[in-house]
PDB file of all heavy atoms in Angstrom:
ATOM      1  N   TYR A   1    -135.854  -0.188  53.423  1.00  0.00           N
ATOM      2  CA  TYR A   1    -136.993   0.229  54.250  1.00  0.00           C
ATOM      3  C   TYR A   1    -137.784   1.365  53.598  1.00  0.00           C
ATOM      4  O   TYR A   1    -139.018   1.296  53.466  1.00  0.00           O
ATOM      5  CB  TYR A   1    -136.500   0.668  55.621  1.00  0.00           C
ATOM      6  CG  TYR A   1    -137.511   1.583  56.378  1.00  0.00           C
ATOM      7  CD1 TYR A   1    -138.694   1.080  56.823  1.00  0.00           C
ATOM      8  CD2 TYR A   1    -137.193   2.893  56.576  1.00  0.00           C
ATOM      9  CE1 TYR A   1    -139.599   1.929  57.484  1.00  0.00           C
ATOM     10  CE2 TYR A   1    -138.085   3.747  57.267  1.00  0.00           C
ATOM     11  CZ  TYR A   1    -139.271   3.230  57.687  1.00  0.00           C
ATOM     12  OH  TYR A   1    -140.175   4.051  58.318  1.00  0.00           O
ATOM     13  N   GLU A   2    -137.061   2.347  53.087  1.00  0.00           N
ATOM     14  CA  GLU A   2    -137.718   3.528  52.492  1.00  0.00           C
ATOM     15  C   GLU A   2    -138.502   3.148  51.266  1.00  0.00           C
ATOM     16  O   GLU A   2    -139.653   3.588  51.090  1.00  0.00           O
ATOM     17  CB  GLU A   2    -136.623   4.572  52.134  1.00  0.00           C
ATOM     18  CG  GLU A   2    -137.202   5.905  51.683  1.00  0.00           C
ATOM     19  CD  GLU A   2    -136.129   6.947  51.531  1.00  0.00           C
ATOM     20  OE1 GLU A   2    -134.921   6.623  51.573  1.00  0.00           O
ATOM     21  OE2 GLU A   2    -136.510   8.106  51.293  1.00  0.00           O
ATOM     22  N   LYS A   3    -137.962   2.310  50.395  1.00  0.00           N
ATOM     23  CA  LYS A   3    -138.654   1.880  49.203  1.00  0.00           C
ATOM     24  C   LYS A   3    -139.913   1.074  49.532  1.00  0.00           C
ATOM     25  O   LYS A   3    -140.926   1.183  48.914  1.00  0.00           O
ATOM     26  CB  LYS A   3    -137.698   1.091  48.321  1.00  0.00           C
ATOM     27  CG  LYS A   3    -138.330   0.620  46.971  1.00  0.00           C
ATOM     28  CD  LYS A   3    -137.339  -0.164  46.177  1.00  0.00           C
ATOM     29  CE  LYS A   3    -137.959  -0.649  44.881  1.00  0.00           C
ATOM     30  NZ  LYS A   3    -136.950  -1.397  44.031  1.00  0.00           N
ATOM     31  N   TYR A   4    -139.763   0.259  50.563  1.00  0.00           N
ATOM     32  CA  TYR A   4    -140.894  -0.650  50.954  1.00  0.00           C
ATOM     33  C   TYR A   4    -142.032   0.123  51.571  1.00  0.00           C
ATOM     34  O   TYR A   4    -143.185  -0.039  51.197  1.00  0.00           O
ATOM     35  CB  TYR A   4    -140.330  -1.710  51.884  1.00  0.00           C
ATOM     36  CG  TYR A   4    -141.443  -2.551  52.551  1.00  0.00           C
ATOM     37  CD1 TYR A   4    -142.058  -3.582  51.852  1.00  0.00           C
ATOM     38  CD2 TYR A   4    -141.846  -2.277  53.831  1.00  0.00           C
ATOM     39  CE1 TYR A   4    -143.036  -4.367  52.463  1.00  0.00           C
ATOM     40  CE2 TYR A   4    -142.818  -3.034  54.458  1.00  0.00           C
ATOM     41  CZ  TYR A   4    -143.446  -4.080  53.754  1.00  0.00           C
ATOM     42  OH  TYR A   4    -144.458  -4.790  54.367  1.00  0.00           O
ATOM     43  N   VAL A   5    -141.727   0.958  52.596  1.00  0.00           N
ATOM     44  CA  VAL A   5    -142.802   1.540  53.417  1.00  0.00           C
ATOM     45  C   VAL A   5    -143.669   2.507  52.631  1.00  0.00           C
ATOM     46  O   VAL A   5    -144.895   2.630  52.918  1.00  0.00           O
ATOM     47  CB  VAL A   5    -142.204   2.223  54.669  1.00  0.00           C
ATOM     48  CG1 VAL A   5    -141.445   3.485  54.305  1.00  0.00           C
ATOM     49  CG2 VAL A   5    -143.290   2.485  55.685  1.00  0.00           C
ATOM     50  N   CYS A   6    -143.101   3.175  51.626  1.00  0.00           N
ATOM     51  CA  CYS A   6    -143.872   4.195  50.901  1.00  0.00           C
ATOM     52  C   CYS A   6    -144.939   3.574  50.001  1.00  0.00           C
ATOM     53  O   CYS A   6    -145.763   4.283  49.396  1.00  0.00           O
ATOM     54  CB  CYS A   6    -142.942   5.089  50.098  1.00  0.00           C
ATOM     55  SG  CYS A   6    -142.141   4.297  48.729  1.00  0.00           S
ATOM     56  N   GLN A   7    -144.959   2.238  49.886  1.00  0.00           N
ATOM     57  CA  GLN A   7    -145.996   1.582  49.054  1.00  0.00           C
ATOM     58  C   GLN A   7    -147.359   1.570  49.749  1.00  0.00           C
ATOM     59  O   GLN A   7    -148.376   1.360  49.077  1.00  0.00           O
ATOM     60  CB  GLN A   7    -145.593   0.123  48.801  1.00  0.00           C
ATOM     61  CG  GLN A   7    -144.278  -0.106  48.144  1.00  0.00           C
ATOM     62  CD  GLN A   7    -143.934  -1.572  48.049  1.00  0.00           C
ATOM     63  OE1 GLN A   7    -144.769  -2.388  47.616  1.00  0.00           O
ATOM     64  NE2 GLN A   7    -142.785  -1.945  48.546  1.00  0.00           N
ATOM     65  N   PHE A   8    -147.386   1.842  51.039  1.00  0.00           N
ATOM     66  CA  PHE A   8    -148.652   1.651  51.781  1.00  0.00           C
ATOM     67  C   PHE A   8    -149.228   2.978  52.226  1.00  0.00           C
ATOM     68  O   PHE A   8    -148.481   3.946  52.514  1.00  0.00           O
ATOM     69  CB  PHE A   8    -148.350   0.803  53.040  1.00  0.00           C
ATOM     70  CG  PHE A   8    -147.778  -0.558  52.681  1.00  0.00           C
ATOM     71  CD1 PHE A   8    -146.387  -0.766  52.753  1.00  0.00           C
ATOM     72  CD2 PHE A   8    -148.573  -1.585  52.247  1.00  0.00           C
ATOM     73  CE1 PHE A   8    -145.833  -1.958  52.387  1.00  0.00           C
ATOM     74  CE2 PHE A   8    -148.038  -2.802  51.888  1.00  0.00           C
ATOM     75  CZ  PHE A   8    -146.639  -3.019  51.959  1.00  0.00           C
ATOM     76  N   SER A   9    -150.528   3.049  52.275  1.00  0.00           N
ATOM     77  CA  SER A   9    -151.220   4.307  52.632  1.00  0.00           C
ATOM     78  C   SER A   9    -151.318   4.494  54.134  1.00  0.00           C
ATOM     79  O   SER A   9    -151.533   5.581  54.594  1.00  0.00           O
ATOM     80  CB  SER A   9    -152.623   4.308  52.040  1.00  0.00           C
ATOM     81  OG  SER A   9    -153.378   3.219  52.529  1.00  0.00           O
ATOM     82  N   CYS A  10    -151.133   3.388  54.933  1.00  0.00           N
ATOM     83  CA  CYS A  10    -151.277   3.502  56.356  1.00  0.00           C
ATOM     84  C   CYS A  10    -150.528   2.339  57.026  1.00  0.00           C
ATOM     85  O   CYS A  10    -150.256   1.300  56.409  1.00  0.00           O
ATOM     86  CB  CYS A  10    -152.742   3.539  56.771  1.00  0.00           C
ATOM     87  SG  CYS A  10    -153.605   2.000  56.385  1.00  0.00           S
ATOM     88  N   PRO A  11    -150.210   2.497  58.290  1.00  0.00           N
ATOM     89  CA  PRO A  11    -149.510   1.404  59.041  1.00  0.00           C
ATOM     90  C   PRO A  11    -150.263   0.102  59.050  1.00  0.00           C
ATOM     91  O   PRO A  11    -149.680  -0.980  59.015  1.00  0.00           O
ATOM     92  CB  PRO A  11    -149.311   1.991  60.427  1.00  0.00           C
ATOM     93  CG  PRO A  11    -149.363   3.460  60.264  1.00  0.00           C
ATOM     94  CD  PRO A  11    -150.335   3.692  59.146  1.00  0.00           C
ATOM     95  N   GLU A  12    -151.595   0.187  59.112  1.00  0.00           N
ATOM     96  CA  GLU A  12    -152.422  -1.033  59.191  1.00  0.00           C
ATOM     97  C   GLU A  12    -152.241  -1.874  57.934  1.00  0.00           C
ATOM     98  O   GLU A  12    -152.122  -3.128  58.004  1.00  0.00           O
ATOM     99  CB  GLU A  12    -153.896  -0.675  59.412  1.00  0.00           C
ATOM    100  CG  GLU A  12    -154.213  -0.152  60.758  1.00  0.00           C
ATOM    101  CD  GLU A  12    -153.888   1.370  60.946  1.00  0.00           C
ATOM    102  OE1 GLU A  12    -153.484   1.994  59.911  1.00  0.00           O
ATOM    103  OE2 GLU A  12    -154.128   1.894  62.031  1.00  0.00           O
ATOM    104  N   ASP A  13    -152.204  -1.187  56.778  1.00  0.00           N
ATOM    105  CA  ASP A  13    -152.011  -1.901  55.495  1.00  0.00           C
ATOM    106  C   ASP A  13    -150.628  -2.616  55.503  1.00  0.00           C
ATOM    107  O   ASP A  13    -150.496  -3.740  55.011  1.00  0.00           O
ATOM    108  CB  ASP A  13    -152.114  -0.989  54.324  1.00  0.00           C
ATOM    109  CG  ASP A  13    -153.562  -0.546  54.046  1.00  0.00           C
ATOM    110  OD1 ASP A  13    -154.472  -1.145  54.631  1.00  0.00           O
ATOM    111  OD2 ASP A  13    -153.765   0.443  53.281  1.00  0.00           O
ATOM    112  N   GLN A  14    -149.645  -1.888  55.976  1.00  0.00           N
ATOM    113  CA  GLN A  14    -148.280  -2.460  55.988  1.00  0.00           C
ATOM    114  C   GLN A  14    -148.232  -3.694  56.908  1.00  0.00           C
ATOM    115  O   GLN A  14    -147.618  -4.715  56.549  1.00  0.00           O
ATOM    116  CB  GLN A  14    -147.301  -1.391  56.474  1.00  0.00           C
ATOM    117  CG  GLN A  14    -145.827  -1.831  56.385  1.00  0.00           C
ATOM    118  CD  GLN A  14    -145.393  -2.667  57.553  1.00  0.00           C
ATOM    119  OE1 GLN A  14    -145.679  -2.332  58.704  1.00  0.00           O
ATOM    120  NE2 GLN A  14    -144.653  -3.738  57.276  1.00  0.00           N
ATOM    121  N   MET A  15    -148.852  -3.626  58.058  1.00  0.00           N
ATOM    122  CA  MET A  15    -148.836  -4.741  58.974  1.00  0.00           C
ATOM    123  C   MET A  15    -149.520  -5.980  58.371  1.00  0.00           C
ATOM    124  O   MET A  15    -149.064  -7.116  58.556  1.00  0.00           O
ATOM    125  CB  MET A  15    -149.448  -4.385  60.302  1.00  0.00           C
ATOM    126  CG  MET A  15    -148.646  -3.370  61.118  1.00  0.00           C
ATOM    127  SD  MET A  15    -149.276  -3.058  62.738  1.00  0.00           S
ATOM    128  CE  MET A  15    -148.841  -4.573  63.614  1.00  0.00           C
ATOM    129  N   ARG A  16    -150.625  -5.763  57.699  1.00  0.00           N
ATOM    130  CA  ARG A  16    -151.324  -6.853  57.051  1.00  0.00           C
ATOM    131  C   ARG A  16    -150.439  -7.553  55.969  1.00  0.00           C
ATOM    132  O   ARG A  16    -150.360  -8.765  55.882  1.00  0.00           O
ATOM    133  CB  ARG A  16    -152.630  -6.357  56.419  1.00  0.00           C
ATOM    134  CG  ARG A  16    -153.790  -6.207  57.415  1.00  0.00           C
ATOM    135  CD  ARG A  16    -155.105  -6.032  56.726  1.00  0.00           C
ATOM    136  NE  ARG A  16    -155.194  -4.749  56.048  1.00  0.00           N
ATOM    137  CZ  ARG A  16    -155.620  -3.610  56.601  1.00  0.00           C
ATOM    138  NH1 ARG A  16    -156.006  -3.623  57.872  1.00  0.00           N
ATOM    139  NH2 ARG A  16    -155.657  -2.477  55.934  1.00  0.00           N
ATOM    140  N   GLU A  17    -149.796  -6.701  55.181  1.00  0.00           N
ATOM    141  CA  GLU A  17    -148.927  -7.260  54.117  1.00  0.00           C
ATOM    142  C   GLU A  17    -147.786  -8.024  54.720  1.00  0.00           C
ATOM    143  O   GLU A  17    -147.384  -9.110  54.222  1.00  0.00           O
ATOM    144  CB  GLU A  17    -148.410  -6.109  53.228  1.00  0.00           C
ATOM    145  CG  GLU A  17    -147.768  -6.570  51.927  1.00  0.00           C
ATOM    146  CD  GLU A  17    -146.262  -6.896  52.064  1.00  0.00           C
ATOM    147  OE1 GLU A  17    -145.675  -6.599  53.122  1.00  0.00           O
ATOM    148  OE2 GLU A  17    -145.690  -7.434  51.107  1.00  0.00           O
ATOM    149  N   PHE A  18    -147.195  -7.512  55.809  1.00  0.00           N
ATOM    150  CA  PHE A  18    -146.055  -8.155  56.454  1.00  0.00           C
ATOM    151  C   PHE A  18    -146.507  -9.502  56.998  1.00  0.00           C
ATOM    152  O   PHE A  18    -145.750 -10.475  56.885  1.00  0.00           O
ATOM    153  CB  PHE A  18    -145.546  -7.258  57.570  1.00  0.00           C
ATOM    154  CG  PHE A  18    -144.253  -7.744  58.204  1.00  0.00           C
ATOM    155  CD1 PHE A  18    -143.017  -7.528  57.554  1.00  0.00           C
ATOM    156  CD2 PHE A  18    -144.260  -8.412  59.429  1.00  0.00           C
ATOM    157  CE1 PHE A  18    -141.822  -7.985  58.157  1.00  0.00           C
ATOM    158  CE2 PHE A  18    -143.053  -8.872  59.978  1.00  0.00           C
ATOM    159  CZ  PHE A  18    -141.872  -8.644  59.338  1.00  0.00           C
ATOM    160  N   ALA A  19    -147.694  -9.556  57.577  1.00  0.00           N
ATOM    161  CA  ALA A  19    -148.183 -10.845  58.164  1.00  0.00           C
ATOM    162  C   ALA A  19    -148.422 -11.864  57.016  1.00  0.00           C
ATOM    163  O   ALA A  19    -148.165 -13.052  57.204  1.00  0.00           O
ATOM    164  CB  ALA A  19    -149.481 -10.619  58.896  1.00  0.00           C
ATOM    165  N   GLU A  20    -148.865 -11.359  55.863  1.00  0.00           N
ATOM    166  CA  GLU A  20    -149.153 -12.283  54.739  1.00  0.00           C
ATOM    167  C   GLU A  20    -147.875 -12.752  54.049  1.00  0.00           C
ATOM    168  O   GLU A  20    -147.805 -13.920  53.655  1.00  0.00           O
ATOM    169  CB  GLU A  20    -150.072 -11.537  53.754  1.00  0.00           C
ATOM    170  CG  GLU A  20    -151.462 -11.284  54.248  1.00  0.00           C
ATOM    171  CD  GLU A  20    -152.261 -10.368  53.338  1.00  0.00           C
ATOM    172  OE1 GLU A  20    -151.652  -9.922  52.276  1.00  0.00           O
ATOM    173  OE2 GLU A  20    -153.402 -10.056  53.633  1.00  0.00           O
ATOM    174  N   GLN A  21    -146.924 -11.850  53.868  1.00  0.00           N
ATOM    175  CA  GLN A  21    -145.751 -12.175  53.047  1.00  0.00           C
ATOM    176  C   GLN A  21    -144.563 -12.682  53.855  1.00  0.00           C
ATOM    177  O   GLN A  21    -143.621 -13.271  53.278  1.00  0.00           O
ATOM    178  CB  GLN A  21    -145.324 -10.922  52.252  1.00  0.00           C
ATOM    179  CG  GLN A  21    -146.373 -10.424  51.280  1.00  0.00           C
ATOM    180  CD  GLN A  21    -146.770 -11.436  50.240  1.00  0.00           C
ATOM    181  OE1 GLN A  21    -145.924 -12.171  49.733  1.00  0.00           O
ATOM    182  NE2 GLN A  21    -148.073 -11.531  49.949  1.00  0.00           N
ATOM    183  N   GLY A  22    -144.540 -12.476  55.148  1.00  0.00           N
ATOM    184  CA  GLY A  22    -143.456 -12.967  55.997  1.00  0.00           C
ATOM    185  C   GLY A  22    -142.315 -11.971  56.090  1.00  0.00           C
ATOM    186  O   GLY A  22    -142.344 -10.884  55.526  1.00  0.00           O
ATOM    187  N   PHE A  23    -141.290 -12.369  56.862  1.00  0.00           N
ATOM    188  CA  PHE A  23    -140.213 -11.512  57.217  1.00  0.00           C
ATOM    189  C   PHE A  23    -139.337 -11.141  56.030  1.00  0.00           C
ATOM    190  O   PHE A  23    -138.929 -12.026  55.220  1.00  0.00           O
ATOM    191  CB  PHE A  23    -139.347 -12.176  58.288  1.00  0.00           C
ATOM    192  CG  PHE A  23    -138.228 -11.254  58.777  1.00  0.00           C
ATOM    193  CD1 PHE A  23    -138.453 -10.448  59.882  1.00  0.00           C
ATOM    194  CD2 PHE A  23    -137.020 -11.239  58.156  1.00  0.00           C
ATOM    195  CE1 PHE A  23    -137.470  -9.626  60.335  1.00  0.00           C
ATOM    196  CE2 PHE A  23    -136.009 -10.446  58.598  1.00  0.00           C
ATOM    197  CZ  PHE A  23    -136.193  -9.618  59.683  1.00  0.00           C
ATOM    198  N   ARG A  24    -138.985  -9.859  55.898  1.00  0.00           N
ATOM    199  CA  ARG A  24    -137.965  -9.358  54.978  1.00  0.00           C
ATOM    200  C   ARG A  24    -137.300  -8.163  55.607  1.00  0.00           C
ATOM    201  O   ARG A  24    -137.947  -7.363  56.305  1.00  0.00           O
ATOM    202  CB  ARG A  24    -138.610  -8.930  53.654  1.00  0.00           C
ATOM    203  CG  ARG A  24    -139.046 -10.008  52.730  1.00  0.00           C
ATOM    204  CD  ARG A  24    -140.395  -9.677  52.098  1.00  0.00           C
ATOM    205  NE  ARG A  24    -141.465  -9.584  53.006  1.00  0.00           N
ATOM    206  CZ  ARG A  24    -142.520  -8.789  52.886  1.00  0.00           C
ATOM    207  NH1 ARG A  24    -142.658  -7.993  51.827  1.00  0.00           N
ATOM    208  NH2 ARG A  24    -143.466  -8.767  53.810  1.00  0.00           N
ATOM    209  N   MET A  25    -135.989  -8.063  55.415  1.00  0.00           N
ATOM    210  CA  MET A  25    -135.259  -6.872  55.921  1.00  0.00           C
ATOM    211  C   MET A  25    -135.819  -5.608  55.242  1.00  0.00           C
ATOM    212  O   MET A  25    -136.183  -5.617  54.083  1.00  0.00           O
ATOM    213  CB  MET A  25    -133.790  -6.992  55.666  1.00  0.00           C
ATOM    214  CG  MET A  25    -133.090  -8.071  56.470  1.00  0.00           C
ATOM    215  SD  MET A  25    -133.207  -7.826  58.288  1.00  0.00           S
ATOM    216  CE  MET A  25    -132.358  -6.291  58.518  1.00  0.00           C
ATOM    217  N   GLY A  26    -135.853  -4.551  55.966  1.00  0.00           N
ATOM    218  CA  GLY A  26    -136.498  -3.337  55.511  1.00  0.00           C
ATOM    219  C   GLY A  26    -137.959  -3.361  55.857  1.00  0.00           C
ATOM    220  O   GLY A  26    -138.467  -2.458  56.545  1.00  0.00           O
ATOM    221  N   ALA A  27    -138.651  -4.400  55.427  1.00  0.00           N
ATOM    222  CA  ALA A  27    -140.042  -4.568  55.778  1.00  0.00           C
ATOM    223  C   ALA A  27    -140.208  -4.766  57.273  1.00  0.00           C
ATOM    224  O   ALA A  27    -141.136  -4.307  57.914  1.00  0.00           O
ATOM    225  CB  ALA A  27    -140.652  -5.807  55.061  1.00  0.00           C
ATOM    226  N   HIS A  28    -139.203  -5.420  57.917  1.00  0.00           N
ATOM    227  CA  HIS A  28    -139.265  -5.644  59.382  1.00  0.00           C
ATOM    228  C   HIS A  28    -139.190  -4.310  60.141  1.00  0.00           C
ATOM    229  O   HIS A  28    -139.861  -4.133  61.153  1.00  0.00           O
ATOM    230  CB  HIS A  28    -138.154  -6.583  59.841  1.00  0.00           C
ATOM    231  CG  HIS A  28    -136.863  -5.894  60.179  1.00  0.00           C
ATOM    232  ND1 HIS A  28    -136.038  -5.328  59.242  1.00  0.00           N
ATOM    233  CD2 HIS A  28    -136.284  -5.678  61.375  1.00  0.00           C
ATOM    234  CE1 HIS A  28    -135.028  -4.788  59.834  1.00  0.00           C
ATOM    235  NE2 HIS A  28    -135.097  -5.012  61.132  1.00  0.00           N
ATOM    236  N   LYS A  29    -138.440  -3.368  59.604  1.00  0.00           N
ATOM    237  CA  LYS A  29    -138.343  -2.046  60.282  1.00  0.00           C
ATOM    238  C   LYS A  29    -139.664  -1.335  60.175  1.00  0.00           C
ATOM    239  O   LYS A  29    -140.118  -0.700  61.141  1.00  0.00           O
ATOM    240  CB  LYS A  29    -137.186  -1.229  59.708  1.00  0.00           C
ATOM    241  CG  LYS A  29    -136.943   0.096  60.371  1.00  0.00           C
ATOM    242  CD  LYS A  29    -136.520  -0.066  61.853  1.00  0.00           C
ATOM    243  CE  LYS A  29    -135.109  -0.557  61.972  1.00  0.00           C
ATOM    244  NZ  LYS A  29    -134.564  -0.405  63.353  1.00  0.00           N
ATOM    245  N   ALA A  30    -140.271  -1.413  58.990  1.00  0.00           N
ATOM    246  CA  ALA A  30    -141.618  -0.801  58.835  1.00  0.00           C
ATOM    247  C   ALA A  30    -142.614  -1.473  59.774  1.00  0.00           C
ATOM    248  O   ALA A  30    -143.470  -0.757  60.374  1.00  0.00           O
ATOM    249  CB  ALA A  30    -142.102  -0.965  57.387  1.00  0.00           C
ATOM    250  N   PHE A  31    -142.522  -2.758  59.942  1.00  0.00           N
ATOM    251  CA  PHE A  31    -143.397  -3.443  60.857  1.00  0.00           C
ATOM    252  C   PHE A  31    -143.237  -2.966  62.301  1.00  0.00           C
ATOM    253  O   PHE A  31    -144.188  -2.719  63.030  1.00  0.00           O
ATOM    254  CB  PHE A  31    -143.166  -4.962  60.804  1.00  0.00           C
ATOM    255  CG  PHE A  31    -143.855  -5.714  61.904  1.00  0.00           C
ATOM    256  CD1 PHE A  31    -145.214  -6.010  61.776  1.00  0.00           C
ATOM    257  CD2 PHE A  31    -143.196  -6.143  63.008  1.00  0.00           C
ATOM    258  CE1 PHE A  31    -145.883  -6.746  62.775  1.00  0.00           C
ATOM    259  CE2 PHE A  31    -143.805  -6.877  63.991  1.00  0.00           C
ATOM    260  CZ  PHE A  31    -145.177  -7.123  63.913  1.00  0.00           C
ATOM    261  N   LEU A  32    -141.968  -2.786  62.661  1.00  0.00           N
ATOM    262  CA  LEU A  32    -141.697  -2.298  64.059  1.00  0.00           C
ATOM    263  C   LEU A  32    -142.249  -0.883  64.277  1.00  0.00           C
ATOM    264  O   LEU A  32    -142.803  -0.559  65.338  1.00  0.00           O
ATOM    265  CB  LEU A  32    -140.176  -2.345  64.327  1.00  0.00           C
ATOM    266  CG  LEU A  32    -139.608  -3.772  64.450  1.00  0.00           C
ATOM    267  CD1 LEU A  32    -138.078  -3.671  64.471  1.00  0.00           C
ATOM    268  CD2 LEU A  32    -140.113  -4.490  65.697  1.00  0.00           C
ATOM    269  N   PHE A  33    -142.089  -0.007  63.284  1.00  0.00           N
ATOM    270  CA  PHE A  33    -142.662   1.302  63.315  1.00  0.00           C
ATOM    271  C   PHE A  33    -144.202   1.224  63.405  1.00  0.00           C
ATOM    272  O   PHE A  33    -144.851   1.831  64.298  1.00  0.00           O
ATOM    273  CB  PHE A  33    -142.326   2.131  62.071  1.00  0.00           C
ATOM    274  CG  PHE A  33    -141.138   3.027  62.225  1.00  0.00           C
ATOM    275  CD1 PHE A  33    -140.029   2.871  61.409  1.00  0.00           C
ATOM    276  CD2 PHE A  33    -141.124   4.035  63.132  1.00  0.00           C
ATOM    277  CE1 PHE A  33    -138.932   3.703  61.528  1.00  0.00           C
ATOM    278  CE2 PHE A  33    -140.043   4.920  63.260  1.00  0.00           C
ATOM    279  CZ  PHE A  33    -138.932   4.741  62.426  1.00  0.00           C
ATOM    280  N   SER A  34    -144.788   0.415  62.524  1.00  0.00           N
ATOM    281  CA  SER A  34    -146.264   0.290  62.467  1.00  0.00           C
ATOM    282  C   SER A  34    -146.824  -0.231  63.730  1.00  0.00           C
ATOM    283  O   SER A  34    -147.933   0.170  64.149  1.00  0.00           O
ATOM    284  CB  SER A  34    -146.647  -0.573  61.262  1.00  0.00           C
ATOM    285  OG  SER A  34    -146.277  -0.025  60.072  1.00  0.00           O
ATOM    286  N   ARG A  35    -146.155  -1.134  64.358  1.00  0.00           N
ATOM    287  CA  ARG A  35    -146.653  -1.740  65.632  1.00  0.00           C
ATOM    288  C   ARG A  35    -146.835  -0.664  66.687  1.00  0.00           C
ATOM    289  O   ARG A  35    -147.758  -0.728  67.490  1.00  0.00           O
ATOM    290  CB  ARG A  35    -145.655  -2.793  66.113  1.00  0.00           C
ATOM    291  CG  ARG A  35    -146.175  -3.638  67.248  1.00  0.00           C
ATOM    292  CD  ARG A  35    -145.243  -4.824  67.497  1.00  0.00           C
ATOM    293  NE  ARG A  35    -143.934  -4.404  67.852  1.00  0.00           N
ATOM    294  CZ  ARG A  35    -142.896  -5.273  68.094  1.00  0.00           C
ATOM    295  NH1 ARG A  35    -143.124  -6.542  68.044  1.00  0.00           N
ATOM    296  NH2 ARG A  35    -141.721  -4.817  68.425  1.00  0.00           N
ATOM    297  N   THR A  36    -146.010   0.369  66.667  1.00  0.00           N
ATOM    298  CA  THR A  36    -146.156   1.487  67.574  1.00  0.00           C
ATOM    299  C   THR A  36    -147.195   2.492  67.109  1.00  0.00           C
ATOM    300  O   THR A  36    -148.029   2.972  67.854  1.00  0.00           O
ATOM    301  CB  THR A  36    -144.787   2.200  67.775  1.00  0.00           C
ATOM    302  OG1 THR A  36    -143.810   1.257  68.259  1.00  0.00           O
ATOM    303  CG2 THR A  36    -144.895   3.354  68.757  1.00  0.00           C
ATOM    304  N   LEU A  37    -147.137   2.794  65.803  1.00  0.00           N
ATOM    305  CA  LEU A  37    -147.993   3.843  65.220  1.00  0.00           C
ATOM    306  C   LEU A  37    -149.475   3.442  65.308  1.00  0.00           C
ATOM    307  O   LEU A  37    -150.366   4.342  65.329  1.00  0.00           O
ATOM    308  CB  LEU A  37    -147.599   4.089  63.768  1.00  0.00           C
ATOM    309  CG  LEU A  37    -146.233   4.710  63.559  1.00  0.00           C
ATOM    310  CD1 LEU A  37    -145.840   4.754  62.096  1.00  0.00           C
ATOM    311  CD2 LEU A  37    -146.145   6.126  64.156  1.00  0.00           C
ATOM    312  N   THR A  38    -149.782   2.150  65.322  1.00  0.00           N
ATOM    313  CA  THR A  38    -151.195   1.713  65.389  1.00  0.00           C
ATOM    314  C   THR A  38    -151.711   1.786  66.830  1.00  0.00           C
ATOM    315  O   THR A  38    -152.947   1.612  67.035  1.00  0.00           O
ATOM    316  CB  THR A  38    -151.365   0.295  64.848  1.00  0.00           C
ATOM    317  OG1 THR A  38    -150.456  -0.577  65.519  1.00  0.00           O
ATOM    318  CG2 THR A  38    -151.105   0.303  63.364  1.00  0.00           C
ATOM    319  N   LYS A  39    -150.879   1.994  67.788  1.00  0.00           N
ATOM    320  CA  LYS A  39    -151.302   2.003  69.191  1.00  0.00           C
ATOM    321  C   LYS A  39    -151.203   3.347  69.878  1.00  0.00           C
ATOM    322  O   LYS A  39    -151.826   3.594  70.916  1.00  0.00           O
ATOM    323  CB  LYS A  39    -150.454   0.987  69.974  1.00  0.00           C
ATOM    324  CG  LYS A  39    -150.613  -0.451  69.558  1.00  0.00           C
ATOM    325  CD  LYS A  39    -149.645  -1.389  70.316  1.00  0.00           C
ATOM    326  CE  LYS A  39    -149.808  -2.828  69.843  1.00  0.00           C
ATOM    327  NZ  LYS A  39    -148.828  -3.699  70.544  1.00  0.00           N
ATOM    328  N   PHE A  40    -150.393   4.271  69.293  1.00  0.00           N
ATOM    329  CA  PHE A  40    -150.108   5.547  69.953  1.00  0.00           C
ATOM    330  C   PHE A  40    -150.185   6.675  68.968  1.00  0.00           C
ATOM    331  O   PHE A  40    -150.018   6.443  67.744  1.00  0.00           O
ATOM    332  CB  PHE A  40    -148.730   5.550  70.621  1.00  0.00           C
ATOM    333  CG  PHE A  40    -148.464   4.377  71.530  1.00  0.00           C
ATOM    334  CD1 PHE A  40    -147.859   3.234  71.103  1.00  0.00           C
ATOM    335  CD2 PHE A  40    -148.906   4.418  72.880  1.00  0.00           C
ATOM    336  CE1 PHE A  40    -147.618   2.167  71.928  1.00  0.00           C
ATOM    337  CE2 PHE A  40    -148.686   3.394  73.722  1.00  0.00           C
ATOM    338  CZ  PHE A  40    -148.044   2.245  73.267  1.00  0.00           C
ATOM    339  N   THR A  41    -150.393   7.900  69.448  1.00  0.00           N
ATOM    340  CA  THR A  41    -150.200   9.109  68.660  1.00  0.00           C
ATOM    341  C   THR A  41    -148.750   9.505  68.683  1.00  0.00           C
ATOM    342  O   THR A  41    -148.200   9.692  69.773  1.00  0.00           O
ATOM    343  CB  THR A  41    -151.076  10.278  69.187  1.00  0.00           C
ATOM    344  OG1 THR A  41    -152.446   9.875  69.085  1.00  0.00           O
ATOM    345  CG2 THR A  41    -150.819  11.548  68.392  1.00  0.00           C
TER     346      THR A  41
END
């Protein structure tokens, strides 16, 4: 998860990549974080 998430500048970029590339462990945890971070402070 740590290696994957630091590649992106913002949660929105990470969510787009996850949607394009499909499910991967580590990436899924970043997606779950991003899903919250894009909706709340």
